[in-house]
Amino acid sequence: MSEDHNHPNYILIWVVLLVLTVLEVAVAFFPKWFPGMDYIIITTISLLLGMAFVKAGLVAAYFMHLKFEQKNFIMIVSFPLVLACVLVILLLPDVAFG
C-alpha cells in the first residue's frame, strides 16, 4: 500500500451501500408501478446500472483500498475490467440476433 492514511468511515459507506440497495429494489418495481409510461424499461435498466456502478466503485475504492493506491496500480486493475465490459457490449448484438 502507498502511504499511511486515515481510515474511512466504514459504517457510513455501509449505510450508503444499504440505501442504494433499497433504492435498487424500489426501482425494480417501476414497471409495475407505472405500467402506461413509455420507455419505463429503459429508464429502469439505466437507473439500476448506474446504481450498480456506484456501488461497485464504492466497494472497490474503500473496502478494497484502491482509493489509497498509486494511480498506475489503479490503471492496471481497471483496464481489464473496462475491456471486458466493452467486449460484452460489442458481442451483445451477435448473441441477441444471432
Protein backbone atom coordinates (compact mmCIF):
# COMPACT_ATOMS: atom_id res chain seq x y z
CA MET A 1 0.00 0.00 0.00
CA SER A 2 1.22 3.54 -0.50
CA GLU A 3 1.50 5.92 2.43
CA ASP A 4 -0.39 5.61 5.68
CA HIS A 5 -3.85 7.10 5.53
CA ASN A 6 -6.75 7.84 7.78
CA HIS A 7 -9.28 5.06 7.90
CA PRO A 8 -12.54 5.97 6.19
CA ASN A 9 -15.84 5.79 7.98
CA TYR A 10 -16.82 2.25 7.01
CA ILE A 11 -20.18 2.49 8.76
CA LEU A 12 -21.14 5.49 6.62
CA ILE A 13 -20.06 3.68 3.45
CA TRP A 14 -22.08 0.63 4.53
CA VAL A 15 -25.14 2.84 5.11
CA VAL A 16 -24.73 4.38 1.63
CA LEU A 17 -24.50 0.90 0.11
CA LEU A 18 -27.59 -0.16 2.06
CA VAL A 19 -29.57 2.88 0.87
CA LEU A 20 -28.51 2.24 -2.73
CA THR A 21 -29.62 -1.39 -2.41
CA VAL A 22 -33.03 -0.34 -1.08
CA LEU A 23 -33.32 2.15 -3.95
CA GLU A 24 -32.42 -0.58 -6.44
CA VAL A 25 -35.20 -2.79 -5.10
CA ALA A 26 -37.65 0.11 -5.34
CA VAL A 27 -36.55 0.96 -8.89
CA ALA A 28 -37.01 -2.67 -9.91
CA PHE A 29 -40.75 -2.23 -9.27
CA PHE A 30 -41.08 0.84 -11.54
CA PRO A 31 -42.58 -1.15 -14.45
CA LYS A 32 -45.37 -2.42 -12.17
CA TRP A 33 -45.98 0.98 -10.57
CA PHE A 34 -46.04 2.92 -13.86
CA PRO A 35 -47.38 0.46 -16.44
CA GLY A 36 -48.51 3.01 -19.02
CA MET A 37 -45.33 5.07 -19.22
CA ASP A 38 -43.26 4.91 -22.38
CA TYR A 39 -39.58 3.94 -22.00
CA ILE A 40 -40.05 2.78 -18.39
CA ILE A 41 -37.96 -0.35 -19.03
CA ILE A 42 -35.06 1.67 -20.44
CA THR A 43 -35.26 4.10 -17.53
CA THR A 44 -35.36 1.26 -15.02
CA ILE A 45 -32.37 -0.51 -16.55
CA SER A 46 -30.40 2.74 -16.77
CA LEU A 47 -31.05 3.58 -13.13
CA LEU A 48 -30.20 0.06 -11.98
CA LEU A 49 -26.94 0.02 -13.95
CA GLY A 50 -25.97 3.46 -12.66
CA MET A 51 -26.57 2.48 -9.05
CA ALA A 52 -24.70 -0.81 -9.55
CA PHE A 53 -21.66 1.04 -10.92
CA VAL A 54 -21.73 3.48 -7.99
CA LYS A 55 -21.90 0.59 -5.52
CA ALA A 56 -19.08 -1.28 -7.28
CA GLY A 57 -16.98 1.88 -7.24
CA LEU A 58 -17.55 2.40 -3.53
CA VAL A 59 -16.64 -1.19 -2.73
CA ALA A 60 -13.51 -1.07 -4.89
CA ALA A 61 -12.42 2.32 -3.59
CA TYR A 62 -12.92 1.81 0.13
CA PHE A 63 -13.25 -1.87 1.00
CA MET A 64 -10.56 -2.95 -1.48
CA HIS A 65 -8.50 0.16 -0.59
CA LEU A 66 -7.98 1.20 -4.21
CA LYS A 67 -8.61 4.82 -3.29
CA PHE A 68 -5.35 4.84 -1.40
CA GLU A 69 -3.21 3.11 -4.03
CA GLN A 70 -1.00 4.67 -6.65
CA LYS A 71 -2.59 5.70 -9.94
CA ASN A 72 -0.55 3.20 -12.00
CA PHE A 73 -1.90 0.30 -9.97
CA ILE A 74 -5.45 1.56 -10.40
CA MET A 75 -4.96 1.70 -14.17
CA ILE A 76 -3.58 -1.84 -14.21
CA VAL A 77 -6.63 -3.10 -12.32
CA SER A 78 -9.28 -1.09 -14.16
CA PHE A 79 -8.11 -1.65 -17.75
CA PRO A 80 -9.12 -5.35 -17.89
CA LEU A 81 -12.49 -4.52 -16.32
CA VAL A 82 -13.21 -1.84 -18.91
CA LEU A 83 -12.03 -4.13 -21.71
CA ALA A 84 -14.32 -6.92 -20.50
CA CYS A 85 -17.30 -4.53 -20.42
CA VAL A 86 -16.55 -3.26 -23.92
CA LEU A 87 -16.25 -6.80 -25.28
CA VAL A 88 -19.54 -7.85 -23.70
CA ILE A 89 -21.32 -4.80 -25.10
CA LEU A 90 -19.84 -5.35 -28.56
CA LEU A 91 -20.87 -9.03 -28.58
CA LEU A 92 -24.44 -8.45 -27.39
CA PRO A 93 -25.85 -7.94 -30.92
CA ASP A 94 -24.41 -11.31 -32.01
CA VAL A 95 -25.99 -13.05 -29.06
CA ALA A 96 -29.34 -11.25 -29.37
CA PHE A 97 -29.76 -11.52 -33.13
CA GLY A 98 -27.53 -14.50 -33.98
